[in-house]
């Protein structure tokens, strides 16, 4: 999280250059079985809905989430469909 501002700057530049609506960056701590996600983009509501949690300063805590394939992609896919 110490590099959040630098990541935000780079991601927002990439979003603009590539025409992305947003970018979700998930950081997983396998030792403590938790993840946090940073989202920089237009609308956070579908991501909040997918995980039933709210963003605070572009960060959403995902306690117990460690598997992209089983715990991140399926709820996001459902929320965006």
PDB file of N, CA and C in Angstrom:
ATOM      1  N   UNK A   1       0.824  -1.198   0.000  1.00  0.00           N
ATOM      2  CA  UNK A   1       0.000   0.000   0.000  1.00  0.00           C
ATOM      3  C   UNK A   1       0.867   1.261   0.000  1.00  0.00           C
ATOM      4  N   UNK A   2       2.127   1.097   0.289  1.00  0.00           N
ATOM      5  CA  UNK A   2       3.021   2.247   0.271  1.00  0.00           C
ATOM      6  C   UNK A   2       3.179   2.813  -1.142  1.00  0.00           C
ATOM      7  N   UNK A   3       2.957   1.984  -2.139  1.00  0.00           N
ATOM      8  CA  UNK A   3       3.110   2.420  -3.529  1.00  0.00           C
ATOM      9  C   UNK A   3       1.773   2.730  -4.200  1.00  0.00           C
ATOM     10  N   UNK A   4       0.711   2.857  -3.420  1.00  0.00           N
ATOM     11  CA  UNK A   4      -0.625   3.066  -3.974  1.00  0.00           C
ATOM     12  C   UNK A   4      -0.698   4.282  -4.893  1.00  0.00           C
ATOM     13  N   UNK A   5      -0.155   5.412  -4.480  1.00  0.00           N
ATOM     14  CA  UNK A   5      -0.236   6.618  -5.289  1.00  0.00           C
ATOM     15  C   UNK A   5       0.497   6.462  -6.623  1.00  0.00           C
ATOM     16  N   UNK A   6       1.648   5.820  -6.594  1.00  0.00           N
ATOM     17  CA  UNK A   6       2.390   5.583  -7.832  1.00  0.00           C
ATOM     18  C   UNK A   6       1.629   4.628  -8.742  1.00  0.00           C
ATOM     19  N   UNK A   7       1.048   3.575  -8.163  1.00  0.00           N
ATOM     20  CA  UNK A   7       0.239   2.646  -8.951  1.00  0.00           C
ATOM     21  C   UNK A   7      -0.960   3.356  -9.556  1.00  0.00           C
ATOM     22  N   UNK A   8      -1.618   4.194  -8.760  1.00  0.00           N
ATOM     23  CA  UNK A   8      -2.789   4.924  -9.246  1.00  0.00           C
ATOM     24  C   UNK A   8      -2.430   5.776 -10.458  1.00  0.00           C
ATOM     25  N   UNK A   9      -1.340   6.481 -10.378  1.00  0.00           N
ATOM     26  CA  UNK A   9      -0.916   7.338 -11.486  1.00  0.00           C
ATOM     27  C   UNK A   9      -0.687   6.519 -12.754  1.00  0.00           C
ATOM     28  N   UNK A  10       0.035   5.423 -12.634  1.00  0.00           N
ATOM     29  CA  UNK A  10       0.321   4.581 -13.797  1.00  0.00           C
ATOM     30  C   UNK A  10      -0.940   3.927 -14.361  1.00  0.00           C
ATOM     31  N   UNK A  11      -1.790   3.435 -13.481  1.00  0.00           N
ATOM     32  CA  UNK A  11      -3.018   2.768 -13.927  1.00  0.00           C
ATOM     33  C   UNK A  11      -3.952   3.761 -14.598  1.00  0.00           C
ATOM     34  N   UNK A  12      -4.093   4.953 -14.040  1.00  0.00           N
ATOM     35  CA  UNK A  12      -4.958   5.961 -14.666  1.00  0.00           C
ATOM     36  C   UNK A  12      -4.422   6.378 -16.036  1.00  0.00           C
ATOM     37  N   UNK A  13      -3.115   6.454 -16.177  1.00  0.00           N
ATOM     38  CA  UNK A  13      -2.509   6.757 -17.476  1.00  0.00           C
ATOM     39  C   UNK A  13      -2.824   5.646 -18.473  1.00  0.00           C
ATOM     40  N   UNK A  14      -2.669   4.417 -18.031  1.00  0.00           N
ATOM     41  CA  UNK A  14      -2.953   3.259 -18.884  1.00  0.00           C
ATOM     42  C   UNK A  14      -4.433   3.216 -19.275  1.00  0.00           C
ATOM     43  N   UNK A  15      -5.318   3.470 -18.311  1.00  0.00           N
ATOM     44  CA  UNK A  15      -6.757   3.511 -18.601  1.00  0.00           C
ATOM     45  C   UNK A  15      -7.045   4.512 -19.709  1.00  0.00           C
ATOM     46  N   UNK A  16      -6.479   5.688 -19.592  1.00  0.00           N
ATOM     47  CA  UNK A  16      -6.726   6.751 -20.569  1.00  0.00           C
ATOM     48  C   UNK A  16      -6.159   6.387 -21.942  1.00  0.00           C
ATOM     49  N   UNK A  17      -4.919   5.910 -21.972  1.00  0.00           N
ATOM     50  CA  UNK A  17      -4.265   5.576 -23.235  1.00  0.00           C
ATOM     51  C   UNK A  17      -4.951   4.428 -23.963  1.00  0.00           C
ATOM     52  N   UNK A  18      -5.416   3.439 -23.214  1.00  0.00           N
ATOM     53  CA  UNK A  18      -6.009   2.248 -23.830  1.00  0.00           C
ATOM     54  C   UNK A  18      -7.534   2.298 -23.905  1.00  0.00           C
ATOM     55  N   UNK A  19      -8.123   3.340 -23.313  1.00  0.00           N
ATOM     56  CA  UNK A  19      -9.575   3.461 -23.348  1.00  0.00           C
ATOM     57  C   UNK A  19     -10.291   2.514 -22.400  1.00  0.00           C
ATOM     58  N   UNK A  20      -9.619   2.096 -21.326  1.00  0.00           N
ATOM     59  CA  UNK A  20     -10.241   1.216 -20.344  1.00  0.00           C
ATOM     60  C   UNK A  20     -11.189   2.018 -19.460  1.00  0.00           C
ATOM     61  N   UNK A  21     -12.303   1.413 -19.078  1.00  0.00           N
ATOM     62  CA  UNK A  21     -13.234   2.051 -18.143  1.00  0.00           C
ATOM     63  C   UNK A  21     -12.696   1.983 -16.719  1.00  0.00           C
ATOM     64  N   UNK A  22     -11.889   0.965 -16.431  1.00  0.00           N
ATOM     65  CA  UNK A  22     -11.345   0.809 -15.089  1.00  0.00           C
ATOM     66  C   UNK A  22     -10.345  -0.320 -15.039  1.00  0.00           C
ATOM     67  N   UNK A  23      -9.642  -0.393 -13.926  1.00  0.00           N
ATOM     68  CA  UNK A  23      -8.612  -1.412 -13.734  1.00  0.00           C
ATOM     69  C   UNK A  23      -8.656  -1.866 -12.286  1.00  0.00           C
ATOM     70  N   UNK A  24      -8.803  -3.164 -12.089  1.00  0.00           N
ATOM     71  CA  UNK A  24      -8.828  -3.758 -10.758  1.00  0.00           C
ATOM     72  C   UNK A  24      -7.503  -4.466 -10.516  1.00  0.00           C
ATOM     73  N   UNK A  25      -6.822  -4.080  -9.453  1.00  0.00           N
ATOM     74  CA  UNK A  25      -5.523  -4.639  -9.096  1.00  0.00           C
ATOM     75  C   UNK A  25      -5.673  -5.321  -7.743  1.00  0.00           C
ATOM     76  N   UNK A  26      -5.554  -6.655  -7.716  1.00  0.00           N
ATOM     77  CA  UNK A  26      -5.761  -7.426  -6.487  1.00  0.00           C
ATOM     78  C   UNK A  26      -4.422  -7.856  -5.913  1.00  0.00           C
ATOM     79  N   UNK A  27      -4.252  -7.609  -4.620  1.00  0.00           N
ATOM     80  CA  UNK A  27      -3.039  -7.968  -3.896  1.00  0.00           C
ATOM     81  C   UNK A  27      -3.428  -9.022  -2.862  1.00  0.00           C
ATOM     82  N   UNK A  28      -2.820 -10.201  -2.970  1.00  0.00           N
ATOM     83  CA  UNK A  28      -3.184 -11.313  -2.093  1.00  0.00           C
ATOM     84  C   UNK A  28      -2.059 -11.625  -1.118  1.00  0.00           C
ATOM     85  N   UNK A  29      -2.442 -11.757   0.139  1.00  0.00           N
ATOM     86  CA  UNK A  29      -1.519 -12.140   1.216  1.00  0.00           C
ATOM     87  C   UNK A  29      -1.839 -13.592   1.563  1.00  0.00           C
ATOM     88  N   UNK A  30      -1.105 -14.517   0.963  1.00  0.00           N
ATOM     89  CA  UNK A  30      -1.425 -15.934   1.177  1.00  0.00           C
ATOM     90  C   UNK A  30      -1.112 -16.399   2.590  1.00  0.00           C
ATOM     91  N   UNK A  31      -0.193 -15.714   3.263  1.00  0.00           N
ATOM     92  CA  UNK A  31       0.143 -16.108   4.635  1.00  0.00           C
ATOM     93  C   UNK A  31      -0.996 -15.824   5.603  1.00  0.00           C
ATOM     94  N   UNK A  32      -1.747 -14.758   5.347  1.00  0.00           N
ATOM     95  CA  UNK A  32      -2.870 -14.392   6.220  1.00  0.00           C
ATOM     96  C   UNK A  32      -4.236 -14.643   5.585  1.00  0.00           C
ATOM     97  N   UNK A  33      -4.254 -15.268   4.413  1.00  0.00           N
ATOM     98  CA  UNK A  33      -5.495 -15.625   3.701  1.00  0.00           C
ATOM     99  C   UNK A  33      -6.433 -14.432   3.508  1.00  0.00           C
ATOM    100  N   UNK A  34      -5.885 -13.347   2.993  1.00  0.00           N
ATOM    101  CA  UNK A  34      -6.674 -12.150   2.714  1.00  0.00           C
ATOM    102  C   UNK A  34      -6.182 -11.497   1.441  1.00  0.00           C
ATOM    103  N   UNK A  35      -7.041 -10.672   0.863  1.00  0.00           N
ATOM    104  CA  UNK A  35      -6.667  -9.857  -0.285  1.00  0.00           C
ATOM    105  C   UNK A  35      -7.212  -8.457  -0.094  1.00  0.00           C
ATOM    106  N   UNK A  36      -6.598  -7.528  -0.777  1.00  0.00           N
ATOM    107  CA  UNK A  36      -7.135  -6.182  -0.923  1.00  0.00           C
ATOM    108  C   UNK A  36      -7.094  -5.886  -2.413  1.00  0.00           C
ATOM    109  N   UNK A  37      -8.014  -5.062  -2.859  1.00  0.00           N
ATOM    110  CA  UNK A  37      -8.043  -4.698  -4.266  1.00  0.00           C
ATOM    111  C   UNK A  37      -8.076  -3.190  -4.395  1.00  0.00           C
ATOM    112  N   UNK A  38      -7.347  -2.714  -5.378  1.00  0.00           N
ATOM    113  CA  UNK A  38      -7.360  -1.303  -5.736  1.00  0.00           C
ATOM    114  C   UNK A  38      -8.149  -1.193  -7.034  1.00  0.00           C
ATOM    115  N   UNK A  39      -9.023  -0.223  -7.122  1.00  0.00           N
ATOM    116  CA  UNK A  39      -9.750  -0.007  -8.373  1.00  0.00           C
ATOM    117  C   UNK A  39      -9.668   1.459  -8.739  1.00  0.00           C
ATOM    118  N   UNK A  40      -9.222   1.695  -9.955  1.00  0.00           N
ATOM    119  CA  UNK A  40      -9.162   3.048 -10.476  1.00  0.00           C
ATOM    120  C   UNK A  40      -9.938   3.054 -11.785  1.00  0.00           C
ATOM    121  N   UNK A  41     -11.026   3.789 -11.791  1.00  0.00           N
ATOM    122  CA  UNK A  41     -11.850   3.836 -12.986  1.00  0.00           C
ATOM    123  C   UNK A  41     -13.142   4.562 -12.743  1.00  0.00           C
ATOM    124  N   UNK A  42     -14.077   4.344 -13.675  1.00  0.00           N
ATOM    125  CA  UNK A  42     -15.319   5.094 -13.710  1.00  0.00           C
ATOM    126  C   UNK A  42     -16.329   4.723 -12.635  1.00  0.00           C
ATOM    127  N   UNK A  43     -16.558   3.437 -12.441  1.00  0.00           N
ATOM    128  CA  UNK A  43     -17.670   3.021 -11.584  1.00  0.00           C
ATOM    129  C   UNK A  43     -17.267   1.832 -10.724  1.00  0.00           C
ATOM    130  N   UNK A  44     -17.360   2.003  -9.421  1.00  0.00           N
ATOM    131  CA  UNK A  44     -16.968   0.940  -8.495  1.00  0.00           C
ATOM    132  C   UNK A  44     -18.140   0.063  -8.069  1.00  0.00           C
ATOM    133  N   UNK A  45     -19.361   0.435  -8.424  1.00  0.00           N
ATOM    134  CA  UNK A  45     -20.540  -0.234  -7.868  1.00  0.00           C
ATOM    135  C   UNK A  45     -20.645  -1.710  -8.231  1.00  0.00           C
ATOM    136  N   UNK A  46     -20.273  -2.082  -9.438  1.00  0.00           N
ATOM    137  CA  UNK A  46     -20.371  -3.508  -9.807  1.00  0.00           C
ATOM    138  C   UNK A  46     -19.361  -4.351  -9.037  1.00  0.00           C
ATOM    139  N   UNK A  47     -18.224  -3.787  -8.759  1.00  0.00           N
ATOM    140  CA  UNK A  47     -17.217  -4.513  -7.980  1.00  0.00           C
ATOM    141  C   UNK A  47     -17.667  -4.615  -6.529  1.00  0.00           C
ATOM    142  N   UNK A  48     -18.202  -3.527  -5.995  1.00  0.00           N
ATOM    143  CA  UNK A  48     -18.741  -3.567  -4.630  1.00  0.00           C
ATOM    144  C   UNK A  48     -19.865  -4.600  -4.527  1.00  0.00           C
ATOM    145  N   UNK A  49     -20.704  -4.641  -5.543  1.00  0.00           N
ATOM    146  CA  UNK A  49     -21.817  -5.597  -5.565  1.00  0.00           C
ATOM    147  C   UNK A  49     -21.310  -7.041  -5.631  1.00  0.00           C
ATOM    148  N   UNK A  50     -20.269  -7.267  -6.397  1.00  0.00           N
ATOM    149  CA  UNK A  50     -19.725  -8.622  -6.548  1.00  0.00           C
ATOM    150  C   UNK A  50     -19.232  -9.184  -5.216  1.00  0.00           C
ATOM    151  N   UNK A  51     -18.653  -8.321  -4.402  1.00  0.00           N
ATOM    152  CA  UNK A  51     -18.062  -8.781  -3.142  1.00  0.00           C
ATOM    153  C   UNK A  51     -18.862  -8.368  -1.914  1.00  0.00           C
ATOM    154  N   UNK A  52     -19.961  -7.662  -2.134  1.00  0.00           N
ATOM    155  CA  UNK A  52     -20.820  -7.196  -1.046  1.00  0.00           C
ATOM    156  C   UNK A  52     -20.011  -6.431   0.012  1.00  0.00           C
ATOM    157  N   UNK A  53     -19.126  -5.566  -0.487  1.00  0.00           N
ATOM    158  CA  UNK A  53     -18.272  -4.743   0.361  1.00  0.00           C
ATOM    159  C   UNK A  53     -18.131  -3.385  -0.308  1.00  0.00           C
ATOM    160  N   UNK A  54     -17.685  -2.382   0.442  1.00  0.00           N
ATOM    161  CA  UNK A  54     -17.543  -1.035  -0.104  1.00  0.00           C
ATOM    162  C   UNK A  54     -16.083  -0.611  -0.192  1.00  0.00           C
ATOM    163  N   UNK A  55     -15.806   0.197  -1.210  1.00  0.00           N
ATOM    164  CA  UNK A  55     -14.476   0.786  -1.356  1.00  0.00           C
ATOM    165  C   UNK A  55     -14.303   1.930  -0.375  1.00  0.00           C
ATOM    166  N   UNK A  56     -13.093   2.073   0.107  1.00  0.00           N
ATOM    167  CA  UNK A  56     -12.695   3.229   0.907  1.00  0.00           C
ATOM    168  C   UNK A  56     -11.386   3.726   0.314  1.00  0.00           C
ATOM    169  N   UNK A  57     -11.402   4.915  -0.225  1.00  0.00           N
ATOM    170  CA  UNK A  57     -10.207   5.494  -0.861  1.00  0.00           C
ATOM    171  C   UNK A  57      -9.638   4.573  -1.938  1.00  0.00           C
ATOM    172  N   UNK A  58     -10.506   4.071  -2.802  1.00  0.00           N
ATOM    173  CA  UNK A  58     -10.135   3.211  -3.938  1.00  0.00           C
ATOM    174  C   UNK A  58      -9.641   1.831  -3.522  1.00  0.00           C
ATOM    175  N   UNK A  59      -9.834   1.450  -2.259  1.00  0.00           N
ATOM    176  CA  UNK A  59      -9.374   0.151  -1.747  1.00  0.00           C
ATOM    177  C   UNK A  59     -10.566  -0.612  -1.174  1.00  0.00           C
ATOM    178  N   UNK A  60     -10.633  -1.899  -1.507  1.00  0.00           N
ATOM    179  CA  UNK A  60     -11.669  -2.759  -0.940  1.00  0.00           C
ATOM    180  C   UNK A  60     -10.964  -3.948  -0.272  1.00  0.00           C
ATOM    181  N   UNK A  61     -11.317  -4.222   0.965  1.00  0.00           N
ATOM    182  CA  UNK A  61     -10.762  -5.372   1.688  1.00  0.00           C
ATOM    183  C   UNK A  61     -11.551  -6.615   1.329  1.00  0.00           C
ATOM    184  N   UNK A  62     -10.841  -7.698   1.104  1.00  0.00           N
ATOM    185  CA  UNK A  62     -11.464  -8.972   0.752  1.00  0.00           C
ATOM    186  C   UNK A  62     -10.962 -10.060   1.702  1.00  0.00           C
ATOM    187  N   UNK A  63     -11.462 -10.064   2.937  1.00  0.00           N
ATOM    188  CA  UNK A  63     -10.996 -11.065   3.904  1.00  0.00           C
ATOM    189  C   UNK A  63     -11.343 -12.486   3.463  1.00  0.00           C
ATOM    190  N   UNK A  64     -10.382 -13.378   3.594  1.00  0.00           N
ATOM    191  CA  UNK A  64     -10.598 -14.778   3.242  1.00  0.00           C
ATOM    192  C   UNK A  64     -10.492 -15.076   1.754  1.00  0.00           C
ATOM    193  N   UNK A  65     -10.293 -14.073   0.930  1.00  0.00           N
ATOM    194  CA  UNK A  65     -10.205 -14.269  -0.522  1.00  0.00           C
ATOM    195  C   UNK A  65      -8.741 -14.463  -0.911  1.00  0.00           C
ATOM    196  N   UNK A  66      -8.447 -15.628  -1.488  1.00  0.00           N
ATOM    197  CA  UNK A  66      -7.083 -15.912  -1.926  1.00  0.00           C
ATOM    198  C   UNK A  66      -7.026 -16.527  -3.327  1.00  0.00           C
ATOM    199  N   UNK A  67      -8.139 -16.983  -3.849  1.00  0.00           N
ATOM    200  CA  UNK A  67      -8.152 -17.655  -5.149  1.00  0.00           C
ATOM    201  C   UNK A  67      -8.801 -16.775  -6.217  1.00  0.00           C
ATOM    202  N   UNK A  68      -7.990 -16.370  -7.197  1.00  0.00           N
ATOM    203  CA  UNK A  68      -8.557 -15.594  -8.306  1.00  0.00           C
ATOM    204  C   UNK A  68      -9.593 -16.421  -9.058  1.00  0.00           C
ATOM    205  N   UNK A  69      -9.254 -17.673  -9.316  1.00  0.00           N
ATOM    206  CA  UNK A  69     -10.119 -18.531 -10.128  1.00  0.00           C
ATOM    207  C   UNK A  69     -11.439 -18.857  -9.437  1.00  0.00           C
ATOM    208  N   UNK A  70     -11.422 -19.069  -8.136  1.00  0.00           N
ATOM    209  CA  UNK A  70     -12.631 -19.494  -7.428  1.00  0.00           C
ATOM    210  C   UNK A  70     -13.358 -18.373  -6.692  1.00  0.00           C
ATOM    211  N   UNK A  71     -12.636 -17.341  -6.239  1.00  0.00           N
ATOM    212  CA  UNK A  71     -13.254 -16.341  -5.371  1.00  0.00           C
ATOM    213  C   UNK A  71     -13.305 -14.926  -5.954  1.00  0.00           C
ATOM    214  N   UNK A  72     -12.563 -14.657  -7.008  1.00  0.00           N
ATOM    215  CA  UNK A  72     -12.568 -13.314  -7.575  1.00  0.00           C
ATOM    216  C   UNK A  72     -13.285 -13.276  -8.914  1.00  0.00           C
ATOM    217  N   UNK A  73     -12.883 -14.126  -9.840  1.00  0.00           N
ATOM    218  CA  UNK A  73     -13.465 -14.080 -11.185  1.00  0.00           C
ATOM    219  C   UNK A  73     -14.960 -14.426 -11.206  1.00  0.00           C
ATOM    220  N   UNK A  74     -15.423 -15.488 -10.537  1.00  0.00           N
ATOM    221  CA  UNK A  74     -16.858 -15.804 -10.617  1.00  0.00           C
ATOM    222  C   UNK A  74     -17.785 -14.676 -10.130  1.00  0.00           C
ATOM    223  N   UNK A  75     -17.549 -14.054  -8.953  1.00  0.00           N
ATOM    224  CA  UNK A  75     -18.457 -12.980  -8.550  1.00  0.00           C
ATOM    225  C   UNK A  75     -18.371 -11.756  -9.465  1.00  0.00           C
ATOM    226  N   UNK A  76     -17.192 -11.464  -9.983  1.00  0.00           N
ATOM    227  CA  UNK A  76     -17.067 -10.339 -10.910  1.00  0.00           C
ATOM    228  C   UNK A  76     -17.810 -10.621 -12.211  1.00  0.00           C
ATOM    229  N   UNK A  77     -17.666 -11.843 -12.721  1.00  0.00           N
ATOM    230  CA  UNK A  77     -18.356 -12.219 -13.953  1.00  0.00           C
ATOM    231  C   UNK A  77     -19.865 -12.097 -13.774  1.00  0.00           C
ATOM    232  N   UNK A  78     -20.374 -12.585 -12.673  1.00  0.00           N
ATOM    233  CA  UNK A  78     -21.802 -12.503 -12.400  1.00  0.00           C
ATOM    234  C   UNK A  78     -22.270 -11.049 -12.279  1.00  0.00           C
ATOM    235  N   UNK A  79     -21.505 -10.230 -11.617  1.00  0.00           N
ATOM    236  CA  UNK A  79     -21.876  -8.841 -11.422  1.00  0.00           C
ATOM    237  C   UNK A  79     -21.872  -8.050 -12.729  1.00  0.00           C
ATOM    238  N   UNK A  80     -20.952  -8.365 -13.620  1.00  0.00           N
ATOM    239  CA  UNK A  80     -20.847  -7.622 -14.882  1.00  0.00           C
ATOM    240  C   UNK A  80     -21.773  -8.166 -15.966  1.00  0.00           C
ATOM    241  N   UNK A  81     -22.335  -9.350 -15.770  1.00  0.00           N
ATOM    242  CA  UNK A  81     -23.255  -9.902 -16.783  1.00  0.00           C
ATOM    243  C   UNK A  81     -24.653  -9.458 -16.600  1.00  0.00           C
TER     244      UNK A  81
END
